[in-house]
């Protein structure tokens, strides 16, 4: 158990409130259901289990003419042809600004090349075509290397501000991401809590008096296969925080008013 000061406990509660506000929102739940349905149509899997059973009862095989995937592929192809590499350009006529922009361009080129930026940005664009939202994460690992990264984020991991009504979600007060990270990465990212993660992840399943595995035991390894689409449903979310050798983490990014001074 990690002991928190009252100030840190207050901040933690604030972050929890943000996350569960989105997780329990009917707006996000409806979006999630619609995204799952859209994804099935994209993969040509729109027949539900009840209809499949009805077809099987009469010895028929459901037939699918997938018109969605080719349309999405066409638009993705246009995006691939039109996409450009991100770069800086000086807005002044000063030579030193041109030189600075060139330095920044070289740095950006390396970052984009090392992170497979073009393909990951296309994956984000594909998500947006299918479900209306595409997400990515740009940042850096705060270790000795300060390595910049650009990751494609599965839309199902993101919990957006349901009160934001803008087309590009520019007025969001917060956005949260909930996803599983393996124990090795967790301890590298948060070395201060290595012992805590060792106690949390990878413990043998609890057993009852008969020697059988007890379901839901504290610290038990849950390594049965669970479809990724089921891992980020709001129902029962608080019950599944450890999966095999990984643990779910929640990252919350929110806006905060701060004081600043001008000279």
Protein backbone atom coordinates (compact mmCIF):
# COMPACT_ATOMS: atom_id res chain seq x y z
CA UNK A 1 0.00 0.00 0.00
CA UNK A 2 1.32 3.44 -0.92
CA UNK A 3 0.92 6.12 1.74
CA UNK A 4 -0.04 9.51 0.37
CA UNK A 5 0.08 12.92 1.95
CA UNK A 6 -3.29 14.70 2.24
CA UNK A 7 -2.34 16.99 -0.65
CA UNK A 8 -1.44 14.08 -2.94
CA UNK A 9 -4.53 12.15 -1.87
CA UNK A 10 -6.65 15.14 -2.87
CA UNK A 11 -5.03 15.29 -6.30
CA UNK A 12 -5.49 11.54 -6.76
CA UNK A 13 -9.17 11.81 -5.94
CA UNK A 14 -9.52 14.66 -8.44
CA UNK A 15 -7.95 12.50 -11.16
CA UNK A 16 -10.22 9.58 -10.27
CA UNK A 17 -13.23 11.85 -10.54
CA UNK A 18 -12.17 12.92 -14.05
CA UNK A 19 -11.70 9.33 -15.18
CA UNK A 20 -14.92 7.91 -13.78
CA UNK A 21 -16.87 10.93 -14.99
CA UNK A 22 -16.00 9.90 -18.54
CA UNK A 23 -16.19 6.13 -17.92
CA UNK A 24 -19.73 6.45 -16.53
CA UNK A 25 -20.86 8.97 -19.14
CA UNK A 26 -23.71 7.86 -21.38
CA UNK A 27 -22.11 9.83 -24.23
CA UNK A 28 -18.94 7.77 -24.14
CA UNK A 29 -20.84 4.51 -23.60
CA UNK A 30 -22.95 5.20 -26.69
CA UNK A 31 -19.83 6.10 -28.68
CA UNK A 32 -18.16 2.87 -27.56
CA UNK A 33 -21.13 0.73 -28.62
CA UNK A 34 -21.26 2.51 -31.98
CA UNK A 35 -17.50 2.09 -32.47
CA UNK A 36 -17.71 -1.65 -31.77
CA UNK A 37 -20.54 -1.97 -34.28
CA UNK A 38 -18.65 0.06 -36.90
CA UNK A 39 -15.57 -2.08 -36.36
CA UNK A 40 -17.56 -5.25 -37.03
CA UNK A 41 -18.87 -3.82 -40.29
CA UNK A 42 -15.32 -2.82 -41.26
CA UNK A 43 -14.15 -6.42 -40.74
CA UNK A 44 -17.27 -7.91 -42.36
CA UNK A 45 -18.50 -9.42 -39.10
CA UNK A 46 -21.86 -7.71 -38.68
CA UNK A 47 -23.92 -10.87 -38.14
CA UNK A 48 -24.76 -11.23 -34.46
CA UNK A 49 -24.71 -14.56 -32.65
CA UNK A 50 -28.50 -14.95 -32.68
CA UNK A 51 -28.69 -14.60 -36.46
CA UNK A 52 -25.75 -16.96 -36.89
CA UNK A 53 -27.61 -19.59 -34.87
CA UNK A 54 -30.74 -19.09 -36.97
CA UNK A 55 -28.73 -19.61 -40.14
CA UNK A 56 -27.07 -22.70 -38.66
CA UNK A 57 -30.44 -24.20 -37.70
CA UNK A 58 -31.52 -24.23 -41.34
CA UNK A 59 -28.10 -25.29 -42.62
CA UNK A 60 -27.32 -21.91 -44.21
CA UNK A 61 -24.10 -19.93 -44.18
CA UNK A 62 -24.27 -16.15 -43.71
CA UNK A 63 -22.79 -14.33 -46.69
CA UNK A 64 -21.21 -10.89 -46.44
CA UNK A 65 -20.41 -8.42 -49.19
CA UNK A 66 -18.07 -6.01 -47.43
CA UNK A 67 -18.59 -2.56 -48.91
CA UNK A 68 -17.19 -0.67 -45.92
CA UNK A 69 -13.56 -1.83 -45.85
CA UNK A 70 -12.86 -0.90 -49.52
CA UNK A 71 -14.25 2.61 -48.96
CA UNK A 72 -12.10 3.12 -45.86
CA UNK A 73 -9.07 1.73 -47.69
CA UNK A 74 -9.65 4.18 -50.56
CA UNK A 75 -9.66 7.19 -48.25
CA UNK A 76 -6.63 5.87 -46.36
CA UNK A 77 -4.79 5.54 -49.68
CA UNK A 78 -5.54 9.18 -50.46
CA UNK A 79 -4.22 10.17 -47.03
CA UNK A 80 -1.01 8.19 -47.63
CA UNK A 81 -0.44 9.94 -50.96
CA UNK A 82 -1.14 13.39 -49.52
CA UNK A 83 0.61 13.08 -46.14
CA UNK A 84 3.62 15.25 -45.44
CA UNK A 85 6.48 15.23 -43.00
CA UNK A 86 6.05 17.70 -40.14
CA UNK A 87 8.58 20.53 -40.29
CA UNK A 88 9.30 24.02 -38.97
CA UNK A 89 9.58 27.19 -41.03
CA UNK A 90 10.79 30.53 -39.77
CA UNK A 91 8.19 33.32 -39.87
CA UNK A 92 10.74 36.13 -39.82
CA UNK A 93 13.43 37.24 -42.23
CA UNK A 94 16.20 36.78 -39.65
CA UNK A 95 18.99 34.39 -40.66
CA UNK A 96 19.35 33.06 -37.12
CA UNK A 97 15.71 32.00 -37.14
CA UNK A 98 16.23 30.12 -40.40
CA UNK A 99 19.17 28.31 -38.84
CA UNK A 100 17.14 27.49 -35.71
CA UNK A 101 14.27 26.16 -37.85
CA UNK A 102 16.72 23.94 -39.71
CA UNK A 103 18.03 22.52 -36.44
CA UNK A 104 14.47 21.80 -35.31
CA UNK A 105 13.68 20.15 -38.65
CA UNK A 106 16.64 17.81 -38.29
CA UNK A 107 15.52 16.86 -34.78
CA UNK A 108 11.92 16.31 -35.92
CA UNK A 109 13.04 14.17 -38.84
CA UNK A 110 14.95 11.85 -36.51
CA UNK A 111 12.02 11.61 -34.09
CA UNK A 112 9.56 10.82 -36.88
CA UNK A 113 11.86 8.27 -38.51
CA UNK A 114 12.61 6.46 -35.25
CA UNK A 115 8.94 6.24 -34.30
CA UNK A 116 7.51 5.13 -37.66
CA UNK A 117 5.45 8.32 -37.62
CA UNK A 118 3.95 7.96 -41.11
CA UNK A 119 2.39 4.54 -40.54
CA UNK A 120 1.20 5.36 -37.02
CA UNK A 121 -0.45 8.57 -38.22
CA UNK A 122 -2.21 6.56 -40.92
CA UNK A 123 -3.47 4.11 -38.27
CA UNK A 124 -4.90 7.08 -36.35
CA UNK A 125 -6.57 8.35 -39.53
CA UNK A 126 -8.09 4.90 -40.12
CA UNK A 127 -9.53 4.91 -36.58
CA UNK A 128 -11.09 8.31 -37.25
CA UNK A 129 -12.76 7.03 -40.43
CA UNK A 130 -14.18 3.99 -38.65
CA UNK A 131 -15.27 5.47 -35.34
CA UNK A 132 -15.04 9.24 -35.64
CA UNK A 133 -12.06 9.58 -33.29
CA UNK A 134 -8.36 8.96 -33.85
CA UNK A 135 -5.77 9.27 -31.10
CA UNK A 136 -2.01 9.41 -30.74
CA UNK A 137 0.42 10.18 -27.93
CA UNK A 138 3.56 12.24 -28.31
CA UNK A 139 5.92 12.64 -25.40
CA UNK A 140 9.21 11.47 -23.98
CA UNK A 141 10.45 8.94 -21.48
CA UNK A 142 11.76 10.85 -18.50
CA UNK A 143 14.85 8.70 -18.06
CA UNK A 144 18.52 9.36 -18.73
CA UNK A 145 17.99 9.16 -22.51
CA UNK A 146 14.96 11.49 -22.64
CA UNK A 147 13.74 9.52 -25.65
CA UNK A 148 10.90 11.10 -27.61
CA UNK A 149 8.10 8.76 -28.68
CA UNK A 150 5.05 8.89 -30.92
CA UNK A 151 2.48 6.14 -30.35
CA UNK A 152 -0.76 5.23 -32.03
CA UNK A 153 -3.44 4.86 -29.33
CA UNK A 154 -6.39 2.53 -29.66
CA UNK A 155 -9.55 4.70 -29.36
CA UNK A 156 -11.01 2.24 -26.84
CA UNK A 157 -8.28 3.20 -24.39
CA UNK A 158 -9.27 6.87 -24.38
CA UNK A 159 -11.84 8.45 -22.06
CA UNK A 160 -12.69 11.89 -23.40
CA UNK A 161 -14.49 14.85 -21.84
CA UNK A 162 -18.19 14.20 -22.57
CA UNK A 163 -19.02 17.88 -22.07
CA UNK A 164 -16.90 19.03 -25.01
CA UNK A 165 -19.22 19.73 -27.96
CA UNK A 166 -16.61 21.06 -30.40
CA UNK A 167 -15.91 19.18 -33.63
CA UNK A 168 -12.21 18.74 -32.85
CA UNK A 169 -12.65 18.47 -29.08
CA UNK A 170 -10.70 21.67 -28.54
CA UNK A 171 -12.60 22.65 -25.38
CA UNK A 172 -11.92 19.45 -23.46
CA UNK A 173 -11.03 20.04 -19.84
CA UNK A 174 -9.41 16.63 -19.56
CA UNK A 175 -8.67 13.41 -21.40
CA UNK A 176 -7.76 10.07 -19.80
CA UNK A 177 -6.15 6.91 -21.13
CA UNK A 178 -6.55 3.50 -19.52
CA UNK A 179 -4.36 0.64 -20.74
CA UNK A 180 -2.26 -2.31 -19.63
CA UNK A 181 1.51 -2.06 -19.18
CA UNK A 182 3.76 -5.01 -18.43
CA UNK A 183 5.60 -5.09 -15.11
CA UNK A 184 9.07 -4.54 -16.59
CA UNK A 185 8.02 -1.29 -18.25
CA UNK A 186 6.14 -0.18 -15.16
CA UNK A 187 9.21 -0.57 -12.94
CA UNK A 188 11.36 1.23 -15.47
CA UNK A 189 8.88 4.07 -15.75
CA UNK A 190 8.24 4.33 -12.00
CA UNK A 191 11.39 2.94 -10.30
CA UNK A 192 10.34 4.41 -6.96
CA UNK A 193 7.47 1.91 -6.76
CA UNK A 194 9.33 -1.24 -7.86
CA UNK A 195 8.51 -3.12 -4.66
CA UNK A 196 4.85 -2.17 -4.94
CA UNK A 197 4.64 -3.53 -8.51
CA UNK A 198 6.44 -6.73 -7.47
CA UNK A 199 3.78 -7.30 -4.83
CA UNK A 200 0.96 -6.38 -7.19
CA UNK A 201 1.92 -8.31 -10.34
CA UNK A 202 2.85 -11.92 -10.84
CA UNK A 203 1.74 -13.41 -7.52
CA UNK A 204 0.47 -17.01 -7.71
CA UNK A 205 -3.31 -17.47 -7.67
CA UNK A 206 -4.90 -17.77 -4.25
CA UNK A 207 -6.14 -21.23 -3.27
CA UNK A 208 -8.96 -22.34 -1.02
CA UNK A 209 -9.02 -25.07 1.64
CA UNK A 210 -9.41 -27.85 -0.96
CA UNK A 211 -6.34 -26.73 -2.85
CA UNK A 212 -8.37 -25.45 -5.80
CA UNK A 213 -7.75 -22.06 -7.32
CA UNK A 214 -10.01 -19.46 -5.80
CA UNK A 215 -11.48 -17.05 -8.32
CA UNK A 216 -10.97 -13.40 -7.62
CA UNK A 217 -8.27 -13.97 -5.03
CA UNK A 218 -6.22 -10.94 -4.09
CA UNK A 219 -3.18 -10.64 -6.31
CA UNK A 220 -4.18 -13.62 -8.45
CA UNK A 221 -2.80 -13.87 -11.96
CA UNK A 222 -5.56 -13.70 -14.51
CA UNK A 223 -4.07 -15.05 -17.71
CA UNK A 224 -7.11 -16.41 -19.52
CA UNK A 225 -7.73 -14.87 -22.93
CA UNK A 226 -9.91 -11.78 -22.86
CA UNK A 227 -10.74 -9.99 -26.12
CA UNK A 228 -9.26 -6.52 -26.14
CA UNK A 229 -12.67 -5.10 -26.97
CA UNK A 230 -13.92 -6.31 -23.58
CA UNK A 231 -11.08 -4.88 -21.50
CA UNK A 232 -12.18 -1.27 -21.70
CA UNK A 233 -15.89 -1.58 -21.05
CA UNK A 234 -17.05 0.64 -18.21
CA UNK A 235 -18.90 -2.17 -16.43
CA UNK A 236 -16.67 -3.92 -13.92
CA UNK A 237 -13.69 -1.81 -14.93
CA UNK A 238 -12.56 -1.35 -11.34
CA UNK A 239 -12.35 -5.13 -10.87
CA UNK A 240 -9.74 -5.81 -13.55
CA UNK A 241 -6.50 -4.02 -12.75
CA UNK A 242 -4.05 -6.91 -13.05
CA UNK A 243 -3.92 -9.16 -16.11
CA UNK A 244 -1.16 -11.75 -16.27
CA UNK A 245 2.14 -9.93 -15.86
CA UNK A 246 0.64 -6.55 -16.63
CA UNK A 247 -1.27 -3.92 -14.70
CA UNK A 248 -3.75 -1.35 -15.87
CA UNK A 249 -2.71 2.25 -15.44
CA UNK A 250 -4.78 5.36 -15.97
CA UNK A 251 -3.19 8.56 -17.22
CA UNK A 252 -5.19 11.77 -16.84
CA UNK A 253 -4.31 15.00 -18.61
CA UNK A 254 -6.28 18.04 -17.53
CA UNK A 255 -6.28 21.80 -17.81
CA UNK A 256 -5.41 23.89 -14.80
CA UNK A 257 -5.34 27.62 -14.23
CA UNK A 258 -1.90 28.90 -13.28
CA UNK A 259 -0.49 32.31 -12.56
CA UNK A 260 1.99 33.87 -14.92
CA UNK A 261 3.75 37.20 -15.06
CA UNK A 262 4.67 39.40 -17.97
CA UNK A 263 7.64 41.75 -18.08
